[in-house]
Amino acid sequence: MRFYSFRRRAAGLFVAAVAGLGTAQAQIPKQRHVEAIQAQSVVWNRAFNGRDSTAFYALFSSRANLCGANGCQTTPAEVRRTMRTLWRTRPDITWMNRSQQVQVNDQSLVACENGEWTESFTHKQAPGKSQITGRYWLMWGFEDGQWRILSGIFTPLTCTGNYCRE
């Protein structure tokens, strides 16, 4: 009888220990997902500002869309066309996303990133430096072993310079 209750208690302790390990391990992957998304945000800044279209477009899912005050790009082809237009009409453009928060749903492998965004440029039709700042939200999805942008919203909150007076 004593042996049986000892085995039962030992089994219970083993199950509790494994459950505790599972909880600790579940937190590690979530943090790794957050770090991977933060690394992708660094890629956005470097690729956009370095005009590395291959690295930049690789950030996007095949079903991605982006929206801003001037409209939405609802296909990857439209996103590419918009970015090419920005690089052509604003040759000195810089775009910086400063991530402030990343939250991951590790069950469905989607995430939300939000932060501040700054765009500085000289527009061909509006000489002089202009700057747009605002907030952004990106929804990320885990596809083929990598985090990719599913959708994004960029909301301009301030605009200074000649471009803003058009």
C-alpha atoms as a PDB file:
ATOM      1  CA  MET A   1       0.000   0.000   0.000  1.00  0.00           C
ATOM      2  CA  ARG A   2       2.766   2.454   0.893  1.00  0.00           C
ATOM      3  CA  PHE A   3       4.651   1.651  -2.290  1.00  0.00           C
ATOM      4  CA  TYR A   4       1.534   2.355  -4.347  1.00  0.00           C
ATOM      5  CA  SER A   5       0.936   5.779  -2.741  1.00  0.00           C
ATOM      6  CA  PHE A   6       4.643   6.608  -3.125  1.00  0.00           C
ATOM      7  CA  ARG A   7       4.465   5.791  -6.856  1.00  0.00           C
ATOM      8  CA  ARG A   8       1.293   7.817  -7.148  1.00  0.00           C
ATOM      9  CA  ARG A   9       2.882  10.834  -5.433  1.00  0.00           C
ATOM     10  CA  ALA A  10       6.067  10.469  -7.490  1.00  0.00           C
ATOM     11  CA  ALA A  11       4.010  10.346 -10.683  1.00  0.00           C
ATOM     12  CA  GLY A  12       2.086  13.420  -9.556  1.00  0.00           C
ATOM     13  CA  LEU A  13       5.318  15.314  -8.862  1.00  0.00           C
ATOM     14  CA  PHE A  14       6.697  14.251 -12.239  1.00  0.00           C
ATOM     15  CA  VAL A  15       3.566  15.524 -14.021  1.00  0.00           C
ATOM     16  CA  ALA A  16       3.734  18.814 -12.099  1.00  0.00           C
ATOM     17  CA  ALA A  17       7.423  19.225 -12.947  1.00  0.00           C
ATOM     18  CA  VAL A  18       6.814  18.537 -16.645  1.00  0.00           C
ATOM     19  CA  ALA A  19       3.889  20.966 -16.677  1.00  0.00           C
ATOM     20  CA  GLY A  20       6.100  23.606 -15.084  1.00  0.00           C
ATOM     21  CA  LEU A  21       8.801  23.001 -17.687  1.00  0.00           C
ATOM     22  CA  GLY A  22       6.213  23.259 -20.441  1.00  0.00           C
ATOM     23  CA  THR A  23       5.112  26.654 -19.147  1.00  0.00           C
ATOM     24  CA  ALA A  24       8.697  27.920 -18.943  1.00  0.00           C
ATOM     25  CA  GLN A  25       9.483  26.609 -22.419  1.00  0.00           C
ATOM     26  CA  ALA A  26       6.306  28.176 -23.855  1.00  0.00           C
ATOM     27  CA  GLN A  27       7.611  31.593 -22.800  1.00  0.00           C
ATOM     28  CA  ILE A  28      10.968  31.100 -24.505  1.00  0.00           C
ATOM     29  CA  PRO A  29       9.546  30.589 -28.016  1.00  0.00           C
ATOM     30  CA  LYS A  30       7.209  33.575 -27.606  1.00  0.00           C
ATOM     31  CA  GLN A  31      10.211  35.779 -26.757  1.00  0.00           C
ATOM     32  CA  ARG A  32      12.100  34.346 -29.722  1.00  0.00           C
ATOM     33  CA  HIS A  33       9.157  35.258 -31.956  1.00  0.00           C
ATOM     34  CA  VAL A  34       9.212  38.815 -30.586  1.00  0.00           C
ATOM     35  CA  GLU A  35      12.968  39.036 -31.240  1.00  0.00           C
ATOM     36  CA  ALA A  36      12.525  37.697 -34.784  1.00  0.00           C
ATOM     37  CA  ILE A  37       9.884  40.342 -35.538  1.00  0.00           C
ATOM     38  CA  GLN A  38      12.097  43.059 -34.076  1.00  0.00           C
ATOM     39  CA  ALA A  39      14.905  41.840 -36.345  1.00  0.00           C
ATOM     40  CA  GLN A  40      12.542  42.026 -39.338  1.00  0.00           C
ATOM     41  CA  SER A  41      11.763  45.632 -38.373  1.00  0.00           C
ATOM     42  CA  VAL A  42      15.480  46.404 -38.550  1.00  0.00           C
ATOM     43  CA  VAL A  43      15.489  44.819 -42.015  1.00  0.00           C
ATOM     44  CA  TRP A  44      12.610  47.134 -43.044  1.00  0.00           C
ATOM     45  CA  ASN A  45      14.609  50.234 -42.079  1.00  0.00           C
ATOM     46  CA  ARG A  46      17.881  49.060 -43.632  1.00  0.00           C
ATOM     47  CA  ALA A  47      16.331  47.689 -46.812  1.00  0.00           C
ATOM     48  CA  PHE A  48      14.052  50.662 -47.454  1.00  0.00           C
ATOM     49  CA  ASN A  49      16.739  53.253 -46.775  1.00  0.00           C
ATOM     50  CA  GLY A  50      19.358  51.255 -48.684  1.00  0.00           C
ATOM     51  CA  ARG A  51      16.970  50.803 -51.644  1.00  0.00           C
ATOM     52  CA  ASP A  52      17.371  47.026 -51.315  1.00  0.00           C
ATOM     53  CA  SER A  53      14.080  46.096 -52.933  1.00  0.00           C
ATOM     54  CA  THR A  54      14.763  42.343 -52.771  1.00  0.00           C
ATOM     55  CA  ALA A  55      15.210  42.368 -48.985  1.00  0.00           C
ATOM     56  CA  PHE A  56      12.365  44.855 -48.542  1.00  0.00           C
ATOM     57  CA  TYR A  57       9.784  42.935 -50.570  1.00  0.00           C
ATOM     58  CA  ALA A  58      10.799  39.659 -48.901  1.00  0.00           C
ATOM     59  CA  LEU A  59       9.298  41.058 -45.692  1.00  0.00           C
ATOM     60  CA  PHE A  60       5.794  40.861 -47.136  1.00  0.00           C
ATOM     61  CA  SER A  61       3.363  37.973 -47.324  1.00  0.00           C
ATOM     62  CA  SER A  62       1.929  37.176 -50.746  1.00  0.00           C
ATOM     63  CA  ARG A  63      -1.383  38.512 -49.405  1.00  0.00           C
ATOM     64  CA  ALA A  64      -0.047  41.698 -47.795  1.00  0.00           C
ATOM     65  CA  ASN A  65      -1.673  45.110 -47.901  1.00  0.00           C
ATOM     66  CA  LEU A  66      -0.634  48.526 -46.609  1.00  0.00           C
ATOM     67  CA  CYS A  67      -2.824  51.548 -45.878  1.00  0.00           C
ATOM     68  CA  GLY A  68      -1.984  55.179 -45.313  1.00  0.00           C
ATOM     69  CA  ALA A  69      -3.751  58.513 -45.579  1.00  0.00           C
ATOM     70  CA  ASN A  70      -3.449  58.465 -49.385  1.00  0.00           C
ATOM     71  CA  GLY A  71      -5.055  55.055 -49.819  1.00  0.00           C
ATOM     72  CA  CYS A  72      -4.413  51.336 -49.595  1.00  0.00           C
ATOM     73  CA  GLN A  73      -2.239  48.983 -51.578  1.00  0.00           C
ATOM     74  CA  THR A  74      -4.137  45.720 -51.493  1.00  0.00           C
ATOM     75  CA  THR A  75      -1.737  43.469 -53.392  1.00  0.00           C
ATOM     76  CA  PRO A  76       2.015  42.906 -53.218  1.00  0.00           C
ATOM     77  CA  ALA A  77       2.287  44.333 -56.758  1.00  0.00           C
ATOM     78  CA  GLU A  78       0.655  47.570 -55.575  1.00  0.00           C
ATOM     79  CA  VAL A  79       2.974  47.720 -52.556  1.00  0.00           C
ATOM     80  CA  ARG A  80       5.994  47.342 -54.875  1.00  0.00           C
ATOM     81  CA  ARG A  81       4.669  49.977 -57.273  1.00  0.00           C
ATOM     82  CA  THR A  82       4.074  52.434 -54.409  1.00  0.00           C
ATOM     83  CA  MET A  83       7.555  51.935 -52.966  1.00  0.00           C
ATOM     84  CA  ARG A  84       9.165  52.351 -56.394  1.00  0.00           C
ATOM     85  CA  THR A  85       7.191  55.570 -56.856  1.00  0.00           C
ATOM     86  CA  LEU A  86       8.362  56.869 -53.474  1.00  0.00           C
ATOM     87  CA  TRP A  87      11.996  56.098 -54.330  1.00  0.00           C
ATOM     88  CA  ARG A  88      11.612  57.798 -57.738  1.00  0.00           C
ATOM     89  CA  THR A  89       9.679  60.937 -56.693  1.00  0.00           C
ATOM     90  CA  ARG A  90      11.509  61.379 -53.383  1.00  0.00           C
ATOM     91  CA  PRO A  91      15.074  60.372 -54.244  1.00  0.00           C
ATOM     92  CA  ASP A  92      16.484  61.222 -50.801  1.00  0.00           C
ATOM     93  CA  ILE A  93      13.654  59.600 -48.823  1.00  0.00           C
ATOM     94  CA  THR A  94      14.405  57.989 -45.481  1.00  0.00           C
ATOM     95  CA  TRP A  95      11.782  55.963 -43.626  1.00  0.00           C
ATOM     96  CA  MET A  96      12.283  54.811 -40.055  1.00  0.00           C
ATOM     97  CA  ASN A  97       9.943  52.594 -38.083  1.00  0.00           C
ATOM     98  CA  ARG A  98      10.671  52.712 -34.354  1.00  0.00           C
ATOM     99  CA  SER A  99       9.037  49.674 -32.841  1.00  0.00           C
ATOM    100  CA  GLN A 100       7.585  50.292 -29.392  1.00  0.00           C
ATOM    101  CA  GLN A 101       5.628  47.113 -28.793  1.00  0.00           C
ATOM    102  CA  VAL A 102       5.375  43.625 -30.279  1.00  0.00           C
ATOM    103  CA  GLN A 103       2.696  41.214 -29.107  1.00  0.00           C
ATOM    104  CA  VAL A 104       2.567  37.609 -30.319  1.00  0.00           C
ATOM    105  CA  ASN A 105      -0.282  35.138 -30.358  1.00  0.00           C
ATOM    106  CA  ASP A 106       1.782  31.970 -30.238  1.00  0.00           C
ATOM    107  CA  GLN A 107      -1.258  29.762 -30.837  1.00  0.00           C
ATOM    108  CA  SER A 108      -2.215  31.148 -34.253  1.00  0.00           C
ATOM    109  CA  LEU A 109       1.250  32.608 -34.977  1.00  0.00           C
ATOM    110  CA  VAL A 110       0.183  36.159 -35.720  1.00  0.00           C
ATOM    111  CA  ALA A 111       1.600  39.266 -34.115  1.00  0.00           C
ATOM    112  CA  CYS A 112       1.026  42.985 -33.814  1.00  0.00           C
ATOM    113  CA  GLU A 113       3.817  45.529 -33.905  1.00  0.00           C
ATOM    114  CA  ASN A 114       3.231  49.210 -33.307  1.00  0.00           C
ATOM    115  CA  GLY A 115       5.370  52.252 -32.931  1.00  0.00           C
ATOM    116  CA  GLU A 116       6.392  55.601 -34.395  1.00  0.00           C
ATOM    117  CA  TRP A 117       7.220  56.206 -38.027  1.00  0.00           C
ATOM    118  CA  THR A 118       9.180  59.064 -39.594  1.00  0.00           C
ATOM    119  CA  GLU A 119       9.553  59.774 -43.283  1.00  0.00           C
ATOM    120  CA  SER A 120      11.876  62.571 -44.478  1.00  0.00           C
ATOM    121  CA  PHE A 121      12.305  63.573 -48.108  1.00  0.00           C
ATOM    122  CA  THR A 122      12.574  66.211 -50.785  1.00  0.00           C
ATOM    123  CA  HIS A 123       9.792  65.863 -53.338  1.00  0.00           C
ATOM    124  CA  LYS A 124      10.577  66.695 -56.968  1.00  0.00           C
ATOM    125  CA  GLN A 125       7.524  68.971 -57.155  1.00  0.00           C
ATOM    126  CA  ALA A 126       7.929  70.549 -53.712  1.00  0.00           C
ATOM    127  CA  PRO A 127      11.557  71.661 -53.171  1.00  0.00           C
ATOM    128  CA  GLY A 128      12.954  71.690 -49.672  1.00  0.00           C
ATOM    129  CA  LYS A 129      12.958  69.013 -47.004  1.00  0.00           C
ATOM    130  CA  SER A 130       9.638  67.698 -45.736  1.00  0.00           C
ATOM    131  CA  GLN A 131       8.970  65.335 -42.863  1.00  0.00           C
ATOM    132  CA  ILE A 132       5.972  63.203 -41.976  1.00  0.00           C
ATOM    133  CA  THR A 133       5.702  61.541 -38.564  1.00  0.00           C
ATOM    134  CA  GLY A 134       3.012  59.336 -37.161  1.00  0.00           C
ATOM    135  CA  ARG A 135       2.056  55.960 -35.759  1.00  0.00           C
ATOM    136  CA  TYR A 136       2.114  52.582 -37.439  1.00  0.00           C
ATOM    137  CA  TRP A 137       0.633  49.149 -36.834  1.00  0.00           C
ATOM    138  CA  LEU A 138       1.839  46.001 -38.574  1.00  0.00           C
ATOM    139  CA  MET A 139       0.214  42.597 -38.431  1.00  0.00           C
ATOM    140  CA  TRP A 140       2.751  39.817 -38.914  1.00  0.00           C
ATOM    141  CA  GLY A 141       2.092  36.181 -39.784  1.00  0.00           C
ATOM    142  CA  PHE A 142       4.445  33.230 -39.469  1.00  0.00           C
ATOM    143  CA  GLU A 143       4.747  31.709 -42.962  1.00  0.00           C
ATOM    144  CA  ASP A 144       7.225  29.109 -44.160  1.00  0.00           C
ATOM    145  CA  GLY A 145       9.314  29.469 -41.011  1.00  0.00           C
ATOM    146  CA  GLN A 146       9.575  33.267 -41.180  1.00  0.00           C
ATOM    147  CA  TRP A 147       7.615  36.271 -39.954  1.00  0.00           C
ATOM    148  CA  ARG A 148       6.088  38.250 -42.840  1.00  0.00           C
ATOM    149  CA  ILE A 149       3.927  41.365 -42.955  1.00  0.00           C
ATOM    150  CA  LEU A 150       0.252  40.602 -43.543  1.00  0.00           C
ATOM    151  CA  SER A 151      -1.018  44.169 -43.244  1.00  0.00           C
ATOM    152  CA  GLY A 152       0.056  47.602 -42.146  1.00  0.00           C
ATOM    153  CA  ILE A 153      -1.515  50.934 -41.301  1.00  0.00           C
ATOM    154  CA  PHE A 154       0.548  54.124 -41.315  1.00  0.00           C
ATOM    155  CA  THR A 155      -1.231  57.134 -39.828  1.00  0.00           C
ATOM    156  CA  PRO A 156       0.468  60.507 -40.385  1.00  0.00           C
ATOM    157  CA  LEU A 157       0.067  62.816 -37.399  1.00  0.00           C
ATOM    158  CA  THR A 158       2.387  65.705 -38.344  1.00  0.00           C
ATOM    159  CA  CYS A 159       3.760  67.021 -41.592  1.00  0.00           C
ATOM    160  CA  THR A 160       6.289  69.820 -42.012  1.00  0.00           C
ATOM    161  CA  GLY A 161       7.851  71.291 -45.147  1.00  0.00           C
ATOM    162  CA  ASN A 162       6.763  72.319 -48.641  1.00  0.00           C
ATOM    163  CA  TYR A 163       5.242  68.936 -49.543  1.00  0.00           C
ATOM    164  CA  CYS A 164       2.755  69.397 -46.708  1.00  0.00           C
ATOM    165  CA  ARG A 165       1.543  72.704 -48.144  1.00  0.00           C
ATOM    166  CA  GLU A 166       0.494  71.202 -51.504  1.00  0.00           C
END
